[in-house]
Amino acid sequence: MAFIEFLRLIAEDTITPEEAVHAYHGVLQGKGITPNRSLEKDLELTQQSMRYGDAGSTPSVAIRNNPLAKRKTESPQPDATWPTKPNGVPDFGSMSADQRLAYHTARLSY
């Protein structure tokens, strides 16, 4: 289950694949499971992992007009109707339920 969670985090661009490999090895270690491959081996980028067929050519990917590549740099604060910390991030600890609802509604409609 942890593996699937790490794939989801990679797909959401929350963590990098390298961070996911490190974290997954940590989960295995915490459960007392010996991984099939060493951490160093799992971190190697192989040609086999980058292709589906066996054409023998070096894979390449060209993505044009990728809407996922554009990242939101600002947090959604149209009116800042919720408390924020000095660095501008939302202060969830001091928010009321209504303020949290307003923040997440603005975030999801952004």
Protein backbone atom coordinates (compact mmCIF):
# COMPACT_ATOMS: atom_id res chain seq x y z
CA MET A 1 0.00 0.00 0.00
CA ALA A 2 2.89 2.37 0.74
CA PHE A 3 4.22 1.85 -2.79
CA ILE A 4 0.93 3.00 -4.30
CA GLU A 5 0.84 6.00 -1.98
CA PHE A 6 4.33 7.01 -3.13
CA LEU A 7 3.28 6.64 -6.79
CA ARG A 8 0.35 8.96 -6.10
CA LEU A 9 2.63 11.53 -4.43
CA ILE A 10 4.97 11.40 -7.44
CA ALA A 11 2.05 11.83 -9.85
CA GLU A 12 0.81 14.82 -7.84
CA ASP A 13 4.33 16.29 -7.97
CA THR A 14 4.45 16.36 -4.18
CA ILE A 15 7.72 14.43 -3.99
CA THR A 16 10.39 13.45 -6.50
CA PRO A 17 10.94 9.84 -7.56
CA GLU A 18 14.24 9.86 -5.67
CA GLU A 19 12.51 10.98 -2.47
CA ALA A 20 9.91 8.25 -2.97
CA VAL A 21 12.60 5.56 -3.29
CA HIS A 22 14.28 6.75 -0.09
CA ALA A 23 10.94 6.90 1.75
CA TYR A 24 9.87 3.47 0.49
CA HIS A 25 13.10 1.91 1.70
CA GLY A 26 12.46 3.60 5.05
CA VAL A 27 8.98 2.05 5.22
CA LEU A 28 10.41 -1.38 4.43
CA GLN A 29 13.10 -0.95 7.07
CA GLY A 30 10.52 0.17 9.63
CA LYS A 31 8.50 -3.00 9.00
CA GLY A 32 11.59 -5.21 9.19
CA ILE A 33 11.35 -6.20 5.51
CA THR A 34 14.58 -6.69 3.57
CA PRO A 35 14.26 -5.10 0.11
CA ASN A 36 15.08 -7.16 -2.99
CA ARG A 37 17.49 -4.46 -4.22
CA SER A 38 19.75 -2.09 -2.33
CA LEU A 39 18.85 1.59 -2.10
CA GLU A 40 21.71 2.48 -4.46
CA LYS A 41 20.49 -0.06 -7.02
CA ASP A 42 16.90 1.24 -6.79
CA LEU A 43 18.12 4.80 -7.35
CA GLU A 44 19.81 3.90 -10.66
CA LEU A 45 17.96 5.12 -13.75
CA THR A 46 17.99 2.26 -16.23
CA GLN A 47 17.13 2.17 -19.91
CA GLN A 48 14.86 -0.79 -19.20
CA SER A 49 12.74 1.30 -16.86
CA MET A 50 12.32 3.94 -19.56
CA ARG A 51 10.86 1.80 -22.36
CA TYR A 52 8.03 -0.59 -22.97
CA GLY A 53 9.18 -2.34 -26.13
CA ASP A 54 12.50 -3.95 -26.88
CA ALA A 55 13.43 -1.80 -29.86
CA GLY A 56 16.89 -1.21 -28.43
CA SER A 57 16.81 2.54 -29.00
CA THR A 58 17.33 5.22 -26.40
CA PRO A 59 13.97 6.53 -25.25
CA SER A 60 13.05 10.17 -25.53
CA VAL A 61 9.98 12.07 -24.50
CA ALA A 62 8.74 15.32 -26.01
CA ILE A 63 5.91 16.99 -24.16
CA ARG A 64 4.49 20.14 -25.69
CA ASN A 65 1.93 22.44 -24.13
CA ASN A 66 1.88 20.41 -20.93
CA PRO A 67 -0.61 22.07 -18.57
CA LEU A 68 0.81 20.11 -15.65
CA ALA A 69 4.22 21.72 -16.04
CA LYS A 70 2.86 25.11 -15.06
CA ARG A 71 2.95 25.29 -11.30
CA LYS A 72 0.98 27.62 -9.13
CA THR A 73 3.45 29.80 -7.29
CA GLU A 74 1.02 31.69 -5.10
CA SER A 75 -1.34 30.31 -2.53
CA PRO A 76 -4.95 31.22 -3.20
CA GLN A 77 -5.65 34.31 -1.13
CA PRO A 78 -8.16 36.48 -2.94
CA ASP A 79 -9.19 38.47 0.14
CA ALA A 80 -7.09 36.79 2.84
CA THR A 81 -10.19 36.23 4.96
CA TRP A 82 -8.23 33.76 7.05
CA PRO A 83 -5.25 34.20 9.39
CA THR A 84 -1.79 33.91 7.89
CA LYS A 85 1.68 33.54 9.32
CA PRO A 86 4.29 36.30 8.83
CA ASN A 87 5.65 34.47 5.75
CA GLY A 88 2.18 34.55 4.13
CA VAL A 89 1.20 30.89 4.48
CA PRO A 90 -2.20 30.11 6.01
CA ASP A 91 -2.23 29.67 9.80
CA PHE A 92 -4.49 26.64 10.15
CA GLY A 93 -3.93 26.50 13.91
CA SER A 94 -5.75 29.77 14.50
CA MET A 95 -8.45 29.36 11.82
CA SER A 96 -12.08 28.82 12.64
CA ALA A 97 -14.07 26.17 10.79
CA ASP A 98 -15.63 28.85 8.57
CA GLN A 99 -12.20 30.28 7.73
CA ARG A 100 -10.88 26.81 6.82
CA LEU A 101 -13.90 26.29 4.59
CA ALA A 102 -13.31 29.66 2.90
CA TYR A 103 -9.62 28.88 2.40
CA HIS A 104 -10.20 25.44 0.86
CA THR A 105 -13.09 26.67 -1.28
CA ALA A 106 -10.83 29.40 -2.68
CA ARG A 107 -7.96 26.94 -3.12
CA LEU A 108 -10.07 24.44 -5.04
CA SER A 109 -11.72 27.03 -7.26
CA TYR A 110 -8.40 28.72 -8.08
